[in-house]
Amino acid sequence: GLTNARPGALSALFVSLASTPTPFKGGVLVTVPVTLTVYLLTNPLGSIQIPWAAWPAGLPGGTSLYFQYAIKDLAAVQGVALSNGLKATAP
């Protein structure tokens, strides 16, 4: 989930199978190379909650996925705020 972002902001959730931290819009994007991008809007409280029921089928045990949000925010450096990166590993 994402919290404390700008309310009603366009956000991109980047998902990657690797982490190669790279400078991006005045911050560091950890989800490089990006495998999947999902565009979402933050709610009126500046949050996004995505339910996570189960690992995607077919991912072998030990596979790591990396997640990070980029949020459009004119008050942020270069107009984009970045969330912390998150690593999840398949059981």
PDB file of N, CA and C in Angstrom:
ATOM      1  N   GLY A   1       0.821  -1.190   0.000  1.00  0.00           N
ATOM      2  CA  GLY A   1       0.000   0.000   0.000  1.00  0.00           C
ATOM      3  C   GLY A   1       0.861   1.248   0.000  1.00  0.00           C
ATOM      4  N   LEU A   2       0.249   2.314  -0.423  1.00  0.00           N
ATOM      5  CA  LEU A   2       0.903   3.625  -0.459  1.00  0.00           C
ATOM      6  C   LEU A   2       0.135   4.551   0.465  1.00  0.00           C
ATOM      7  N   THR A   3       0.830   5.324   1.281  1.00  0.00           N
ATOM      8  CA  THR A   3       0.190   6.301   2.163  1.00  0.00           C
ATOM      9  C   THR A   3       0.967   7.610   2.125  1.00  0.00           C
ATOM     10  N   ASN A   4       0.310   8.669   2.577  1.00  0.00           N
ATOM     11  CA  ASN A   4       0.927   9.990   2.701  1.00  0.00           C
ATOM     12  C   ASN A   4       1.376  10.591   1.381  1.00  0.00           C
ATOM     13  N   ALA A   5       0.724  10.228   0.289  1.00  0.00           N
ATOM     14  CA  ALA A   5       1.010  10.819  -1.015  1.00  0.00           C
ATOM     15  C   ALA A   5       0.032  11.977  -1.246  1.00  0.00           C
ATOM     16  N   ARG A   6       0.223  12.697  -2.342  1.00  0.00           N
ATOM     17  CA  ARG A   6      -0.682  13.781  -2.677  1.00  0.00           C
ATOM     18  C   ARG A   6      -2.059  13.207  -2.990  1.00  0.00           C
ATOM     19  N   PRO A   7      -3.125  13.733  -2.391  1.00  0.00           N
ATOM     20  CA  PRO A   7      -4.478  13.236  -2.672  1.00  0.00           C
ATOM     21  C   PRO A   7      -4.865  13.430  -4.145  1.00  0.00           C
ATOM     22  N   GLY A   8      -5.513  12.425  -4.714  1.00  0.00           N
ATOM     23  CA  GLY A   8      -5.998  12.487  -6.088  1.00  0.00           C
ATOM     24  C   GLY A   8      -4.915  12.568  -7.139  1.00  0.00           C
ATOM     25  N   ALA A   9      -3.732  12.081  -6.836  1.00  0.00           N
ATOM     26  CA  ALA A   9      -2.588  12.188  -7.745  1.00  0.00           C
ATOM     27  C   ALA A   9      -2.465  10.966  -8.648  1.00  0.00           C
ATOM     28  N   LEU A  10      -2.098  11.219  -9.890  1.00  0.00           N
ATOM     29  CA  LEU A  10      -1.768  10.128 -10.802  1.00  0.00           C
ATOM     30  C   LEU A  10      -0.485   9.476 -10.304  1.00  0.00           C
ATOM     31  N   SER A  11      -0.496   8.153 -10.220  1.00  0.00           N
ATOM     32  CA  SER A  11       0.649   7.406  -9.711  1.00  0.00           C
ATOM     33  C   SER A  11       0.943   6.235 -10.630  1.00  0.00           C
ATOM     34  N   ALA A  12       2.205   5.902 -10.718  1.00  0.00           N
ATOM     35  CA  ALA A  12       2.629   4.734 -11.483  1.00  0.00           C
ATOM     36  C   ALA A  12       3.272   3.760 -10.509  1.00  0.00           C
ATOM     37  N   LEU A  13       2.765   2.544 -10.465  1.00  0.00           N
ATOM     38  CA  LEU A  13       3.393   1.486  -9.682  1.00  0.00           C
ATOM     39  C   LEU A  13       4.307   0.720 -10.628  1.00  0.00           C
ATOM     40  N   PHE A  14       5.601   0.790 -10.359  1.00  0.00           N
ATOM     41  CA  PHE A  14       6.583   0.071 -11.163  1.00  0.00           C
ATOM     42  C   PHE A  14       6.875  -1.266 -10.493  1.00  0.00           C
ATOM     43  N   VAL A  15       6.901  -2.319 -11.291  1.00  0.00           N
ATOM     44  CA  VAL A  15       7.203  -3.665 -10.807  1.00  0.00           C
ATOM     45  C   VAL A  15       8.380  -4.188 -11.623  1.00  0.00           C
ATOM     46  N   SER A  16       9.319  -4.844 -10.952  1.00  0.00           N
ATOM     47  CA  SER A  16      10.500  -5.354 -11.631  1.00  0.00           C
ATOM     48  C   SER A  16      10.909  -6.703 -11.054  1.00  0.00           C
ATOM     49  N   LEU A  17      11.624  -7.469 -11.834  1.00  0.00           N
ATOM     50  CA  LEU A  17      12.192  -8.745 -11.388  1.00  0.00           C
ATOM     51  C   LEU A  17      13.624  -8.563 -10.884  1.00  0.00           C
ATOM     52  N   ALA A  18      14.138  -7.333 -10.991  1.00  0.00           N
ATOM     53  CA  ALA A  18      15.503  -7.040 -10.556  1.00  0.00           C
ATOM     54  C   ALA A  18      15.525  -5.655  -9.927  1.00  0.00           C
ATOM     55  N   SER A  19      16.589  -5.360  -9.232  1.00  0.00           N
ATOM     56  CA  SER A  19      16.757  -4.036  -8.650  1.00  0.00           C
ATOM     57  C   SER A  19      18.124  -3.497  -9.017  1.00  0.00           C
ATOM     58  N   THR A  20      18.122  -2.489  -9.858  1.00  0.00           N
ATOM     59  CA  THR A  20      19.333  -1.781 -10.235  1.00  0.00           C
ATOM     60  C   THR A  20      19.066  -0.305  -9.961  1.00  0.00           C
ATOM     61  N   PRO A  21      19.296   0.149  -8.730  1.00  0.00           N
ATOM     62  CA  PRO A  21      18.973   1.532  -8.387  1.00  0.00           C
ATOM     63  C   PRO A  21      19.556   2.523  -9.397  1.00  0.00           C
ATOM     64  N   THR A  22      18.677   3.413  -9.878  1.00  0.00           N
ATOM     65  CA  THR A  22      19.017   4.336 -10.951  1.00  0.00           C
ATOM     66  C   THR A  22      18.462   5.714 -10.632  1.00  0.00           C
ATOM     67  N   PRO A  23      19.247   6.794 -10.843  1.00  0.00           N
ATOM     68  CA  PRO A  23      18.713   8.138 -10.630  1.00  0.00           C
ATOM     69  C   PRO A  23      17.465   8.370 -11.492  1.00  0.00           C
ATOM     70  N   PHE A  24      16.433   8.981 -10.873  1.00  0.00           N
ATOM     71  CA  PHE A  24      15.173   9.217 -11.580  1.00  0.00           C
ATOM     72  C   PHE A  24      14.467  10.410 -10.957  1.00  0.00           C
ATOM     73  N   LYS A  25      14.281  11.477 -11.703  1.00  0.00           N
ATOM     74  CA  LYS A  25      13.510  12.643 -11.280  1.00  0.00           C
ATOM     75  C   LYS A  25      13.944  13.179  -9.922  1.00  0.00           C
ATOM     76  N   GLY A  26      15.239  13.220  -9.670  1.00  0.00           N
ATOM     77  CA  GLY A  26      15.754  13.757  -8.414  1.00  0.00           C
ATOM     78  C   GLY A  26      15.779  12.761  -7.275  1.00  0.00           C
ATOM     79  N   GLY A  27      15.429  11.517  -7.531  1.00  0.00           N
ATOM     80  CA  GLY A  27      15.451  10.468  -6.511  1.00  0.00           C
ATOM     81  C   GLY A  27      16.129   9.230  -7.062  1.00  0.00           C
ATOM     82  N   VAL A  28      15.815   8.093  -6.485  1.00  0.00           N
ATOM     83  CA  VAL A  28      16.393   6.826  -6.937  1.00  0.00           C
ATOM     84  C   VAL A  28      15.267   5.836  -7.184  1.00  0.00           C
ATOM     85  N   LEU A  29      15.201   5.333  -8.397  1.00  0.00           N
ATOM     86  CA  LEU A  29      14.232   4.303  -8.766  1.00  0.00           C
ATOM     87  C   LEU A  29      14.916   2.954  -8.619  1.00  0.00           C
ATOM     88  N   VAL A  30      14.371   2.096  -7.758  1.00  0.00           N
ATOM     89  CA  VAL A  30      15.008   0.799  -7.502  1.00  0.00           C
ATOM     90  C   VAL A  30      14.475  -0.305  -8.416  1.00  0.00           C
ATOM     91  N   THR A  31      13.382  -0.050  -9.108  1.00  0.00           N
ATOM     92  CA  THR A  31      12.725  -1.076  -9.931  1.00  0.00           C
ATOM     93  C   THR A  31      13.174  -1.011 -11.386  1.00  0.00           C
ATOM     94  N   VAL A  32      14.472  -1.054 -11.600  1.00  0.00           N
ATOM     95  CA  VAL A  32      15.032  -1.003 -12.944  1.00  0.00           C
ATOM     96  C   VAL A  32      15.731  -2.320 -13.207  1.00  0.00           C
ATOM     97  N   PRO A  33      15.421  -2.965 -14.332  1.00  0.00           N
ATOM     98  CA  PRO A  33      14.509  -2.562 -15.403  1.00  0.00           C
ATOM     99  C   PRO A  33      13.038  -2.806 -15.012  1.00  0.00           C
ATOM    100  N   VAL A  34      12.181  -1.906 -15.446  1.00  0.00           N
ATOM    101  CA  VAL A  34      10.754  -2.016 -15.142  1.00  0.00           C
ATOM    102  C   VAL A  34      10.142  -3.107 -16.010  1.00  0.00           C
ATOM    103  N   THR A  35       9.464  -4.057 -15.369  1.00  0.00           N
ATOM    104  CA  THR A  35       8.800  -5.160 -16.070  1.00  0.00           C
ATOM    105  C   THR A  35       7.341  -4.832 -16.347  1.00  0.00           C
ATOM    106  N   LEU A  36       6.709  -4.135 -15.400  1.00  0.00           N
ATOM    107  CA  LEU A  36       5.280  -3.821 -15.495  1.00  0.00           C
ATOM    108  C   LEU A  36       5.038  -2.461 -14.867  1.00  0.00           C
ATOM    109  N   THR A  37       4.176  -1.652 -15.500  1.00  0.00           N
ATOM    110  CA  THR A  37       3.753  -0.373 -14.938  1.00  0.00           C
ATOM    111  C   THR A  37       2.244  -0.366 -14.850  1.00  0.00           C
ATOM    112  N   VAL A  38       1.716  -0.040 -13.658  1.00  0.00           N
ATOM    113  CA  VAL A  38       0.277   0.040 -13.427  1.00  0.00           C
ATOM    114  C   VAL A  38      -0.026   1.471 -12.990  1.00  0.00           C
ATOM    115  N   TYR A  39      -0.918   2.147 -13.731  1.00  0.00           N
ATOM    116  CA  TYR A  39      -1.280   3.524 -13.409  1.00  0.00           C
ATOM    117  C   TYR A  39      -2.526   3.538 -12.529  1.00  0.00           C
ATOM    118  N   LEU A  40      -2.450   4.306 -11.437  1.00  0.00           N
ATOM    119  CA  LEU A  40      -3.530   4.386 -10.462  1.00  0.00           C
ATOM    120  C   LEU A  40      -3.645   5.828  -9.967  1.00  0.00           C
ATOM    121  N   LEU A  41      -4.765   6.155  -9.324  1.00  0.00           N
ATOM    122  CA  LEU A  41      -4.933   7.447  -8.670  1.00  0.00           C
ATOM    123  C   LEU A  41      -4.950   7.244  -7.162  1.00  0.00           C
ATOM    124  N   THR A  42      -4.310   8.152  -6.438  1.00  0.00           N
ATOM    125  CA  THR A  42      -4.404   8.085  -4.984  1.00  0.00           C
ATOM    126  C   THR A  42      -5.814   8.518  -4.581  1.00  0.00           C
ATOM    127  N   ASN A  43      -6.273   8.037  -3.436  1.00  0.00           N
ATOM    128  CA  ASN A  43      -7.607   8.395  -2.958  1.00  0.00           C
ATOM    129  C   ASN A  43      -7.562   9.783  -2.299  1.00  0.00           C
ATOM    130  N   PRO A  44      -8.690  10.297  -1.802  1.00  0.00           N
ATOM    131  CA  PRO A  44      -8.700  11.630  -1.186  1.00  0.00           C
ATOM    132  C   PRO A  44      -7.789  11.772   0.044  1.00  0.00           C
ATOM    133  N   LEU A  45      -7.334  10.667   0.595  1.00  0.00           N
ATOM    134  CA  LEU A  45      -6.406  10.711   1.726  1.00  0.00           C
ATOM    135  C   LEU A  45      -4.946  10.546   1.284  1.00  0.00           C
ATOM    136  N   GLY A  46      -4.717  10.395  -0.022  1.00  0.00           N
ATOM    137  CA  GLY A  46      -3.367  10.212  -0.536  1.00  0.00           C
ATOM    138  C   GLY A  46      -2.858   8.791  -0.406  1.00  0.00           C
ATOM    139  N   SER A  47      -3.767   7.828  -0.448  1.00  0.00           N
ATOM    140  CA  SER A  47      -3.393   6.415  -0.281  1.00  0.00           C
ATOM    141  C   SER A  47      -3.828   5.574  -1.473  1.00  0.00           C
ATOM    142  N   ILE A  48      -3.177   4.462  -1.634  1.00  0.00           N
ATOM    143  CA  ILE A  48      -3.588   3.412  -2.573  1.00  0.00           C
ATOM    144  C   ILE A  48      -3.396   2.099  -1.840  1.00  0.00           C
ATOM    145  N   GLN A  49      -4.436   1.307  -1.787  1.00  0.00           N
ATOM    146  CA  GLN A  49      -4.338  -0.024  -1.185  1.00  0.00           C
ATOM    147  C   GLN A  49      -4.707  -1.050  -2.250  1.00  0.00           C
ATOM    148  N   ILE A  50      -3.804  -1.952  -2.529  1.00  0.00           N
ATOM    149  CA  ILE A  50      -4.045  -3.020  -3.508  1.00  0.00           C
ATOM    150  C   ILE A  50      -4.081  -4.333  -2.740  1.00  0.00           C
ATOM    151  N   PRO A  51      -5.204  -5.049  -2.788  1.00  0.00           N
ATOM    152  CA  PRO A  51      -5.250  -6.341  -2.089  1.00  0.00           C
ATOM    153  C   PRO A  51      -4.284  -7.337  -2.731  1.00  0.00           C
ATOM    154  N   TRP A  52      -3.645  -8.105  -1.895  1.00  0.00           N
ATOM    155  CA  TRP A  52      -2.687  -9.110  -2.362  1.00  0.00           C
ATOM    156  C   TRP A  52      -3.147 -10.449  -1.813  1.00  0.00           C
ATOM    157  N   ALA A  53      -3.822 -11.221  -2.635  1.00  0.00           N
ATOM    158  CA  ALA A  53      -4.394 -12.484  -2.172  1.00  0.00           C
ATOM    159  C   ALA A  53      -3.390 -13.633  -2.274  1.00  0.00           C
ATOM    160  N   ALA A  54      -2.660 -13.696  -3.374  1.00  0.00           N
ATOM    161  CA  ALA A  54      -1.742 -14.813  -3.585  1.00  0.00           C
ATOM    162  C   ALA A  54      -0.687 -14.417  -4.610  1.00  0.00           C
ATOM    163  N   TRP A  55       0.415 -15.137  -4.610  1.00  0.00           N
ATOM    164  CA  TRP A  55       1.456 -14.902  -5.603  1.00  0.00           C
ATOM    165  C   TRP A  55       0.926 -15.246  -6.988  1.00  0.00           C
ATOM    166  N   PRO A  56       1.380 -14.530  -8.006  1.00  0.00           N
ATOM    167  CA  PRO A  56       0.989 -14.870  -9.373  1.00  0.00           C
ATOM    168  C   PRO A  56       1.372 -16.313  -9.697  1.00  0.00           C
ATOM    169  N   ALA A  57       0.482 -17.008 -10.353  1.00  0.00           N
ATOM    170  CA  ALA A  57       0.734 -18.408 -10.712  1.00  0.00           C
ATOM    171  C   ALA A  57       1.963 -18.507 -11.613  1.00  0.00           C
ATOM    172  N   GLY A  58       2.736 -19.540 -11.402  1.00  0.00           N
ATOM    173  CA  GLY A  58       3.874 -19.821 -12.266  1.00  0.00           C
ATOM    174  C   GLY A  58       5.193 -19.218 -11.805  1.00  0.00           C
ATOM    175  N   LEU A  59       5.180 -18.374 -10.767  1.00  0.00           N
ATOM    176  CA  LEU A  59       6.454 -17.838 -10.283  1.00  0.00           C
ATOM    177  C   LEU A  59       7.119 -18.867  -9.379  1.00  0.00           C
ATOM    178  N   PRO A  60       8.330 -19.275  -9.711  1.00  0.00           N
ATOM    179  CA  PRO A  60       9.014 -20.264  -8.882  1.00  0.00           C
ATOM    180  C   PRO A  60       9.355 -19.707  -7.502  1.00  0.00           C
ATOM    181  N   GLY A  61       9.419 -20.587  -6.509  1.00  0.00           N
ATOM    182  CA  GLY A  61       9.819 -20.193  -5.166  1.00  0.00           C
ATOM    183  C   GLY A  61      11.161 -19.480  -5.196  1.00  0.00           C
ATOM    184  N   GLY A  62      11.300 -18.450  -4.395  1.00  0.00           N
ATOM    185  CA  GLY A  62      12.547 -17.694  -4.347  1.00  0.00           C
ATOM    186  C   GLY A  62      12.609 -16.526  -5.314  1.00  0.00           C
ATOM    187  N   THR A  63      11.629 -16.429  -6.220  1.00  0.00           N
ATOM    188  CA  THR A  63      11.596 -15.304  -7.153  1.00  0.00           C
ATOM    189  C   THR A  63      11.301 -14.023  -6.387  1.00  0.00           C
ATOM    190  N   SER A  64      12.078 -12.984  -6.658  1.00  0.00           N
ATOM    191  CA  SER A  64      11.855 -11.693  -6.016  1.00  0.00           C
ATOM    192  C   SER A  64      11.166 -10.737  -6.975  1.00  0.00           C
ATOM    193  N   LEU A  65      10.240  -9.959  -6.436  1.00  0.00           N
ATOM    194  CA  LEU A  65       9.598  -8.872  -7.162  1.00  0.00           C
ATOM    195  C   LEU A  65       9.888  -7.588  -6.402  1.00  0.00           C
ATOM    196  N   TYR A  66      10.139  -6.518  -7.141  1.00  0.00           N
ATOM    197  CA  TYR A  66      10.425  -5.213  -6.556  1.00  0.00           C
ATOM    198  C   TYR A  66       9.315  -4.259  -6.970  1.00  0.00           C
ATOM    199  N   PHE A  67       8.861  -3.425  -6.030  1.00  0.00           N
ATOM    200  CA  PHE A  67       7.754  -2.504  -6.259  1.00  0.00           C
ATOM    201  C   PHE A  67       8.164  -1.102  -5.829  1.00  0.00           C
ATOM    202  N   GLN A  68       7.723  -0.095  -6.579  1.00  0.00           N
ATOM    203  CA  GLN A  68       7.936   1.295  -6.183  1.00  0.00           C
ATOM    204  C   GLN A  68       6.945   2.178  -6.923  1.00  0.00           C
ATOM    205  N   TYR A  69       6.412   3.176  -6.209  1.00  0.00           N
ATOM    206  CA  TYR A  69       5.494   4.144  -6.805  1.00  0.00           C
ATOM    207  C   TYR A  69       6.225   5.418  -7.194  1.00  0.00           C
ATOM    208  N   ALA A  70       5.797   6.003  -8.299  1.00  0.00           N
ATOM    209  CA  ALA A  70       6.149   7.374  -8.674  1.00  0.00           C
ATOM    210  C   ALA A  70       4.823   8.134  -8.691  1.00  0.00           C
ATOM    211  N   ILE A  71       4.764   9.244  -7.955  1.00  0.00           N
ATOM    212  CA  ILE A  71       3.518   9.989  -7.786  1.00  0.00           C
ATOM    213  C   ILE A  71       3.706  11.401  -8.332  1.00  0.00           C
ATOM    214  N   LYS A  72       2.797  11.822  -9.198  1.00  0.00           N
ATOM    215  CA  LYS A  72       2.860  13.181  -9.734  1.00  0.00           C
ATOM    216  C   LYS A  72       2.557  14.146  -8.596  1.00  0.00           C
ATOM    217  N   ASP A  73       3.515  15.042  -8.341  1.00  0.00           N
ATOM    218  CA  ASP A  73       3.377  15.985  -7.230  1.00  0.00           C
ATOM    219  C   ASP A  73       4.202  17.224  -7.565  1.00  0.00           C
ATOM    220  N   LEU A  74       3.517  18.314  -7.911  1.00  0.00           N
ATOM    221  CA  LEU A  74       4.215  19.529  -8.330  1.00  0.00           C
ATOM    222  C   LEU A  74       5.083  20.121  -7.226  1.00  0.00           C
ATOM    223  N   ALA A  75       4.831  19.772  -5.968  1.00  0.00           N
ATOM    224  CA  ALA A  75       5.645  20.272  -4.856  1.00  0.00           C
ATOM    225  C   ALA A  75       6.932  19.468  -4.677  1.00  0.00           C
ATOM    226  N   ALA A  76       7.043  18.342  -5.352  1.00  0.00           N
ATOM    227  CA  ALA A  76       8.223  17.476  -5.213  1.00  0.00           C
ATOM    228  C   ALA A  76       9.315  17.894  -6.205  1.00  0.00           C
ATOM    229  N   VAL A  77      10.518  17.420  -5.956  1.00  0.00           N
ATOM    230  CA  VAL A  77      11.630  17.664  -6.871  1.00  0.00           C
ATOM    231  C   VAL A  77      11.248  17.160  -8.256  1.00  0.00           C
ATOM    232  N   GLN A  78      11.378  17.988  -9.266  1.00  0.00           N
ATOM    233  CA  GLN A  78      11.067  17.654 -10.658  1.00  0.00           C
ATOM    234  C   GLN A  78       9.637  17.161 -10.842  1.00  0.00           C
ATOM    235  N   GLY A  79       8.727  17.509  -9.909  1.00  0.00           N
ATOM    236  CA  GLY A  79       7.310  17.204 -10.068  1.00  0.00           C
ATOM    237  C   GLY A  79       6.907  15.766  -9.813  1.00  0.00           C
ATOM    238  N   VAL A  80       7.829  14.954  -9.289  1.00  0.00           N
ATOM    239  CA  VAL A  80       7.534  13.538  -9.031  1.00  0.00           C
ATOM    240  C   VAL A  80       8.073  13.146  -7.660  1.00  0.00           C
ATOM    241  N   ALA A  81       7.215  12.515  -6.848  1.00  0.00           N
ATOM    242  CA  ALA A  81       7.640  11.952  -5.571  1.00  0.00           C
ATOM    243  C   ALA A  81       7.762  10.439  -5.746  1.00  0.00           C
ATOM    244  N   LEU A  82       8.765   9.875  -5.115  1.00  0.00           N
ATOM    245  CA  LEU A  82       8.961   8.424  -5.175  1.00  0.00           C
ATOM    246  C   LEU A  82       8.730   7.814  -3.802  1.00  0.00           C
ATOM    247  N   SER A  83       8.067   6.660  -3.785  1.00  0.00           N
ATOM    248  CA  SER A  83       7.894   5.915  -2.539  1.00  0.00           C
ATOM    249  C   SER A  83       9.181   5.152  -2.236  1.00  0.00           C
ATOM    250  N   ASN A  84       9.194   4.544  -1.073  1.00  0.00           N
ATOM    251  CA  ASN A  84      10.259   3.578  -0.782  1.00  0.00           C
ATOM    252  C   ASN A  84      10.087   2.397  -1.722  1.00  0.00           C
ATOM    253  N   GLY A  85      11.172   1.711  -2.014  1.00  0.00           N
ATOM    254  CA  GLY A  85      11.092   0.477  -2.775  1.00  0.00           C
ATOM    255  C   GLY A  85      10.755  -0.674  -1.845  1.00  0.00           C
ATOM    256  N   LEU A  86      10.081  -1.677  -2.375  1.00  0.00           N
ATOM    257  CA  LEU A  86       9.694  -2.844  -1.598  1.00  0.00           C
ATOM    258  C   LEU A  86      10.102  -4.105  -2.355  1.00  0.00           C
ATOM    259  N   LYS A  87      10.695  -5.040  -1.649  1.00  0.00           N
ATOM    260  CA  LYS A  87      11.066  -6.332  -2.236  1.00  0.00           C
ATOM    261  C   LYS A  87      10.206  -7.410  -1.595  1.00  0.00           C
ATOM    262  N   ALA A  88       9.614  -8.252  -2.427  1.00  0.00           N
ATOM    263  CA  ALA A  88       8.848  -9.398  -1.954  1.00  0.00           C
ATOM    264  C   ALA A  88       9.431 -10.646  -2.620  1.00  0.00           C
ATOM    265  N   THR A  89       9.544 -11.718  -1.850  1.00  0.00           N
ATOM    266  CA  THR A  89      10.112 -12.955  -2.379  1.00  0.00           C
ATOM    267  C   THR A  89       9.092 -14.086  -2.253  1.00  0.00           C
ATOM    268  N   ALA A  90       8.880 -14.793  -3.370  1.00  0.00           N
ATOM    269  CA  ALA A  90       7.920 -15.890  -3.406  1.00  0.00           C
ATOM    270  C   ALA A  90       8.376 -17.003  -2.453  1.00  0.00           C
ATOM    271  N   PRO A  91       7.412 -17.571  -1.728  1.00  0.00           N
ATOM    272  CA  PRO A  91       7.759 -18.653  -0.802  1.00  0.00           C
ATOM    273  C   PRO A  91       8.217 -19.903  -1.538  1.00  0.00           C
TER     274      PRO A  91
END
